[in-house]
Amino acid sequence: MLSSPSGNPALSIVSAMITPAILILASGSLVSSTLVRLGRIVDQTRALIADGQALRSAGKTPALDFIDRRIDRQLRRAELARSALLGFYIAICLFLISSVVIAITQATHAGFFWLGPVIVIIGGVVLILATAALVFEVNVSAGTLHEEVVSYRERESERRDNA
């Protein structure tokens, strides 16, 4: 059992469980912000679908290619955000399991004291991978924004030239 300054075994167990709890809070924060991002992706995709339908109805088929490319990017963003969320949820589960395993091994003096920290490390790796997926999603989002600005400037330039 871990020794604690007070010599209290219960305090030792709780102290050993703190790290997974902090990682759970961090993962929860990432889940929250990723859900907001995913909601925005859904809203933007629905708006693009409506724009595409309006363009098709108006017979403006050349503009549909641009809309289709943007929808494809939104789908890629949604997949990356979904992957990140899955990873964050798996990491939270692993951190919860590790916390319970740490408590059990500390309370029972079990010989597999190493198992809890190993599960924390695995959860940390999953958290890193999920965060990487979110970084890729942000990069796709920035690319989409760049494409939209370029397209807007081209349309404005054509409008001024025609005026």
C-alpha atoms as a PDB file:
ATOM      1  CA  MET A   1       0.000   0.000   0.000  1.00  0.00           C
ATOM      2  CA  LEU A   2       1.141   3.532  -0.639  1.00  0.00           C
ATOM      3  CA  SER A   3       2.269   5.322   2.447  1.00  0.00           C
ATOM      4  CA  SER A   4       0.638   8.603   3.274  1.00  0.00           C
ATOM      5  CA  PRO A   5       1.919  11.325   5.557  1.00  0.00           C
ATOM      6  CA  SER A   6      -1.002  10.819   7.929  1.00  0.00           C
ATOM      7  CA  GLY A   7      -0.691   7.034   7.876  1.00  0.00           C
ATOM      8  CA  ASN A   8      -4.369   6.824   6.950  1.00  0.00           C
ATOM      9  CA  PRO A   9      -4.931   3.981   4.436  1.00  0.00           C
ATOM     10  CA  ALA A  10      -8.203   5.524   3.168  1.00  0.00           C
ATOM     11  CA  LEU A  11      -6.382   8.765   2.362  1.00  0.00           C
ATOM     12  CA  SER A  12      -3.744   6.751   0.532  1.00  0.00           C
ATOM     13  CA  ILE A  13      -6.427   5.111  -1.643  1.00  0.00           C
ATOM     14  CA  VAL A  14      -8.097   8.429  -2.457  1.00  0.00           C
ATOM     15  CA  SER A  15      -4.724  10.030  -3.260  1.00  0.00           C
ATOM     16  CA  ALA A  16      -3.916   7.231  -5.693  1.00  0.00           C
ATOM     17  CA  MET A  17      -7.261   7.765  -7.445  1.00  0.00           C
ATOM     18  CA  ILE A  18      -6.756  11.529  -8.025  1.00  0.00           C
ATOM     19  CA  THR A  19      -4.804  11.383 -11.309  1.00  0.00           C
ATOM     20  CA  PRO A  20      -7.480   9.426 -13.213  1.00  0.00           C
ATOM     21  CA  ALA A  21     -10.128  11.815 -11.860  1.00  0.00           C
ATOM     22  CA  ILE A  22      -8.243  14.839 -13.203  1.00  0.00           C
ATOM     23  CA  LEU A  23      -7.865  13.137 -16.576  1.00  0.00           C
ATOM     24  CA  ILE A  24     -11.604  12.393 -16.589  1.00  0.00           C
ATOM     25  CA  LEU A  25     -12.330  16.109 -16.074  1.00  0.00           C
ATOM     26  CA  ALA A  26      -9.969  17.061 -18.898  1.00  0.00           C
ATOM     27  CA  SER A  27     -11.546  14.486 -21.210  1.00  0.00           C
ATOM     28  CA  GLY A  28     -15.021  15.724 -20.324  1.00  0.00           C
ATOM     29  CA  SER A  29     -14.023  19.244 -21.283  1.00  0.00           C
ATOM     30  CA  LEU A  30     -12.783  17.970 -24.648  1.00  0.00           C
ATOM     31  CA  VAL A  31     -16.049  16.065 -25.151  1.00  0.00           C
ATOM     32  CA  SER A  32     -18.031  19.226 -24.494  1.00  0.00           C
ATOM     33  CA  SER A  33     -16.102  21.377 -26.967  1.00  0.00           C
ATOM     34  CA  THR A  34     -16.123  18.611 -29.593  1.00  0.00           C
ATOM     35  CA  LEU A  35     -19.899  18.223 -29.311  1.00  0.00           C
ATOM     36  CA  VAL A  36     -20.253  21.954 -29.974  1.00  0.00           C
ATOM     37  CA  ARG A  37     -17.995  21.619 -33.032  1.00  0.00           C
ATOM     38  CA  LEU A  38     -20.001  18.634 -34.275  1.00  0.00           C
ATOM     39  CA  GLY A  39     -23.245  20.588 -33.865  1.00  0.00           C
ATOM     40  CA  ARG A  40     -21.828  23.416 -35.962  1.00  0.00           C
ATOM     41  CA  ILE A  41     -20.718  20.929 -38.625  1.00  0.00           C
ATOM     42  CA  VAL A  42     -24.242  19.495 -38.772  1.00  0.00           C
ATOM     43  CA  ASP A  43     -25.785  22.970 -39.040  1.00  0.00           C
ATOM     44  CA  GLN A  44     -23.356  24.016 -41.778  1.00  0.00           C
ATOM     45  CA  THR A  45     -23.936  20.795 -43.720  1.00  0.00           C
ATOM     46  CA  ARG A  46     -27.700  21.217 -43.576  1.00  0.00           C
ATOM     47  CA  ALA A  47     -27.339  24.799 -44.840  1.00  0.00           C
ATOM     48  CA  LEU A  48     -25.142  23.586 -47.704  1.00  0.00           C
ATOM     49  CA  ILE A  49     -27.711  20.936 -48.622  1.00  0.00           C
ATOM     50  CA  ALA A  50     -30.429  23.605 -48.705  1.00  0.00           C
ATOM     51  CA  ASP A  51     -28.201  25.866 -50.836  1.00  0.00           C
ATOM     52  CA  GLY A  52     -27.517  22.959 -53.199  1.00  0.00           C
ATOM     53  CA  GLN A  53     -31.202  22.202 -53.559  1.00  0.00           C
ATOM     54  CA  ALA A  54     -31.948  25.871 -54.281  1.00  0.00           C
ATOM     55  CA  LEU A  55     -29.185  26.049 -56.895  1.00  0.00           C
ATOM     56  CA  ARG A  56     -30.398  22.842 -58.543  1.00  0.00           C
ATOM     57  CA  SER A  57     -33.969  24.188 -58.650  1.00  0.00           C
ATOM     58  CA  ALA A  58     -32.710  27.432 -60.178  1.00  0.00           C
ATOM     59  CA  GLY A  59     -30.738  25.493 -62.806  1.00  0.00           C
ATOM     60  CA  LYS A  60     -27.377  26.846 -61.634  1.00  0.00           C
ATOM     61  CA  THR A  61     -25.522  23.550 -61.957  1.00  0.00           C
ATOM     62  CA  PRO A  62     -21.973  24.990 -62.267  1.00  0.00           C
ATOM     63  CA  ALA A  63     -22.204  26.275 -58.686  1.00  0.00           C
ATOM     64  CA  LEU A  64     -23.183  22.819 -57.453  1.00  0.00           C
ATOM     65  CA  ASP A  65     -19.605  21.541 -57.773  1.00  0.00           C
ATOM     66  CA  PHE A  66     -18.478  24.058 -55.160  1.00  0.00           C
ATOM     67  CA  ILE A  67     -21.332  23.068 -52.833  1.00  0.00           C
ATOM     68  CA  ASP A  68     -20.568  19.360 -53.305  1.00  0.00           C
ATOM     69  CA  ARG A  69     -16.891  19.912 -52.426  1.00  0.00           C
ATOM     70  CA  ARG A  70     -17.894  21.799 -49.300  1.00  0.00           C
ATOM     71  CA  ILE A  71     -20.331  19.055 -48.299  1.00  0.00           C
ATOM     72  CA  ASP A  72     -17.562  16.471 -48.748  1.00  0.00           C
ATOM     73  CA  ARG A  73     -15.309  18.528 -46.477  1.00  0.00           C
ATOM     74  CA  GLN A  74     -18.072  18.818 -43.886  1.00  0.00           C
ATOM     75  CA  LEU A  75     -18.530  15.041 -43.974  1.00  0.00           C
ATOM     76  CA  ARG A  76     -14.775  14.613 -43.426  1.00  0.00           C
ATOM     77  CA  ARG A  77     -14.927  17.032 -40.498  1.00  0.00           C
ATOM     78  CA  ALA A  78     -17.897  15.169 -39.018  1.00  0.00           C
ATOM     79  CA  GLU A  79     -16.050  11.846 -39.278  1.00  0.00           C
ATOM     80  CA  LEU A  80     -12.968  13.278 -37.577  1.00  0.00           C
ATOM     81  CA  ALA A  81     -15.081  14.828 -34.803  1.00  0.00           C
ATOM     82  CA  ARG A  82     -16.950  11.532 -34.364  1.00  0.00           C
ATOM     83  CA  SER A  83     -13.647   9.668 -34.093  1.00  0.00           C
ATOM     84  CA  ALA A  84     -12.385  12.180 -31.547  1.00  0.00           C
ATOM     85  CA  LEU A  85     -15.556  11.822 -29.481  1.00  0.00           C
ATOM     86  CA  LEU A  86     -15.294   8.048 -29.532  1.00  0.00           C
ATOM     87  CA  GLY A  87     -11.690   8.277 -28.356  1.00  0.00           C
ATOM     88  CA  PHE A  88     -12.572  10.744 -25.589  1.00  0.00           C
ATOM     89  CA  TYR A  89     -15.369   8.483 -24.331  1.00  0.00           C
ATOM     90  CA  ILE A  90     -13.091   5.422 -24.412  1.00  0.00           C
ATOM     91  CA  ALA A  91     -10.421   7.364 -22.525  1.00  0.00           C
ATOM     92  CA  ILE A  92     -12.970   8.396 -19.881  1.00  0.00           C
ATOM     93  CA  CYS A  93     -14.012   4.742 -19.472  1.00  0.00           C
ATOM     94  CA  LEU A  94     -10.403   3.668 -19.130  1.00  0.00           C
ATOM     95  CA  PHE A  95      -9.736   6.369 -16.540  1.00  0.00           C
ATOM     96  CA  LEU A  96     -12.835   5.304 -14.582  1.00  0.00           C
ATOM     97  CA  ILE A  97     -11.779   1.649 -14.709  1.00  0.00           C
ATOM     98  CA  SER A  98      -8.243   2.532 -13.648  1.00  0.00           C
ATOM     99  CA  SER A  99      -9.554   4.506 -10.695  1.00  0.00           C
ATOM    100  CA  VAL A 100     -11.593   1.516  -9.507  1.00  0.00           C
ATOM    101  CA  VAL A 101      -8.682  -0.872 -10.097  1.00  0.00           C
ATOM    102  CA  ILE A 102      -6.349   1.419  -8.146  1.00  0.00           C
ATOM    103  CA  ALA A 103      -8.816   1.559  -5.254  1.00  0.00           C
ATOM    104  CA  ILE A 104      -9.261  -2.222  -5.214  1.00  0.00           C
ATOM    105  CA  THR A 105      -5.543  -2.956  -5.373  1.00  0.00           C
ATOM    106  CA  GLN A 106      -4.808  -0.429  -2.637  1.00  0.00           C
ATOM    107  CA  ALA A 107      -7.586  -1.693  -0.372  1.00  0.00           C
ATOM    108  CA  THR A 108      -6.858  -5.400  -0.831  1.00  0.00           C
ATOM    109  CA  HIS A 109      -3.060  -5.223  -1.100  1.00  0.00           C
ATOM    110  CA  ALA A 110      -3.423  -7.203  -4.321  1.00  0.00           C
ATOM    111  CA  GLY A 111      -0.288  -8.126  -6.225  1.00  0.00           C
ATOM    112  CA  PHE A 112      -1.376  -6.472  -9.439  1.00  0.00           C
ATOM    113  CA  PHE A 113      -0.717  -2.926  -8.208  1.00  0.00           C
ATOM    114  CA  TRP A 114       0.728  -2.079 -11.649  1.00  0.00           C
ATOM    115  CA  LEU A 115      -2.571  -2.655 -13.476  1.00  0.00           C
ATOM    116  CA  GLY A 116      -4.214   0.673 -12.580  1.00  0.00           C
ATOM    117  CA  PRO A 117      -1.312   2.816 -13.800  1.00  0.00           C
ATOM    118  CA  VAL A 118      -1.065   0.747 -16.999  1.00  0.00           C
ATOM    119  CA  ILE A 119      -4.759   1.404 -17.699  1.00  0.00           C
ATOM    120  CA  VAL A 120      -4.167   5.134 -17.046  1.00  0.00           C
ATOM    121  CA  ILE A 121      -1.321   5.105 -19.573  1.00  0.00           C
ATOM    122  CA  ILE A 122      -3.483   3.342 -22.172  1.00  0.00           C
ATOM    123  CA  GLY A 123      -6.222   5.902 -21.554  1.00  0.00           C
ATOM    124  CA  GLY A 124      -3.648   8.666 -22.014  1.00  0.00           C
ATOM    125  CA  VAL A 125      -2.578   7.229 -25.362  1.00  0.00           C
ATOM    126  CA  VAL A 126      -6.220   7.029 -26.484  1.00  0.00           C
ATOM    127  CA  LEU A 127      -6.704  10.634 -25.334  1.00  0.00           C
ATOM    128  CA  ILE A 128      -3.701  11.740 -27.402  1.00  0.00           C
ATOM    129  CA  LEU A 129      -4.995   9.946 -30.506  1.00  0.00           C
ATOM    130  CA  ALA A 130      -8.469  11.429 -30.092  1.00  0.00           C
ATOM    131  CA  THR A 131      -6.995  14.891 -29.683  1.00  0.00           C
ATOM    132  CA  ALA A 132      -4.963  14.344 -32.862  1.00  0.00           C
ATOM    133  CA  ALA A 133      -8.212  13.566 -34.721  1.00  0.00           C
ATOM    134  CA  LEU A 134      -9.611  16.855 -33.427  1.00  0.00           C
ATOM    135  CA  VAL A 135      -6.500  18.718 -34.602  1.00  0.00           C
ATOM    136  CA  PHE A 136      -7.003  17.257 -38.087  1.00  0.00           C
ATOM    137  CA  GLU A 137     -10.657  18.337 -37.986  1.00  0.00           C
ATOM    138  CA  VAL A 138      -9.592  21.893 -37.141  1.00  0.00           C
ATOM    139  CA  ASN A 139      -7.198  21.856 -40.087  1.00  0.00           C
ATOM    140  CA  VAL A 140      -9.958  20.667 -42.438  1.00  0.00           C
ATOM    141  CA  SER A 141     -12.166  23.417 -41.055  1.00  0.00           C
ATOM    142  CA  ALA A 142      -9.490  26.034 -41.687  1.00  0.00           C
ATOM    143  CA  GLY A 143      -9.050  24.720 -45.244  1.00  0.00           C
ATOM    144  CA  THR A 144     -12.778  25.023 -45.802  1.00  0.00           C
ATOM    145  CA  LEU A 145     -12.748  28.594 -44.528  1.00  0.00           C
ATOM    146  CA  HIS A 146      -9.860  29.447 -46.844  1.00  0.00           C
ATOM    147  CA  GLU A 147     -11.732  27.958 -49.809  1.00  0.00           C
ATOM    148  CA  GLU A 148     -14.860  29.958 -48.928  1.00  0.00           C
ATOM    149  CA  VAL A 149     -12.917  33.226 -48.716  1.00  0.00           C
ATOM    150  CA  VAL A 150     -11.181  32.597 -52.058  1.00  0.00           C
ATOM    151  CA  SER A 151     -14.533  31.778 -53.678  1.00  0.00           C
ATOM    152  CA  TYR A 152     -16.136  34.901 -52.197  1.00  0.00           C
ATOM    153  CA  ARG A 153     -13.326  37.122 -53.450  1.00  0.00           C
ATOM    154  CA  GLU A 154     -13.547  35.599 -56.935  1.00  0.00           C
ATOM    155  CA  ARG A 155     -17.312  36.226 -57.057  1.00  0.00           C
ATOM    156  CA  GLU A 156     -16.858  39.801 -55.822  1.00  0.00           C
ATOM    157  CA  SER A 157     -14.159  40.418 -58.417  1.00  0.00           C
ATOM    158  CA  GLU A 158     -16.444  39.091 -61.185  1.00  0.00           C
ATOM    159  CA  ARG A 159     -19.315  41.204 -59.870  1.00  0.00           C
ATOM    160  CA  ARG A 160     -17.179  44.367 -59.952  1.00  0.00           C
ATOM    161  CA  ASP A 161     -15.893  43.530 -63.435  1.00  0.00           C
ATOM    162  CA  ASN A 162     -19.479  43.076 -64.695  1.00  0.00           C
ATOM    163  CA  ALA A 163     -20.704  46.287 -63.070  1.00  0.00           C
END
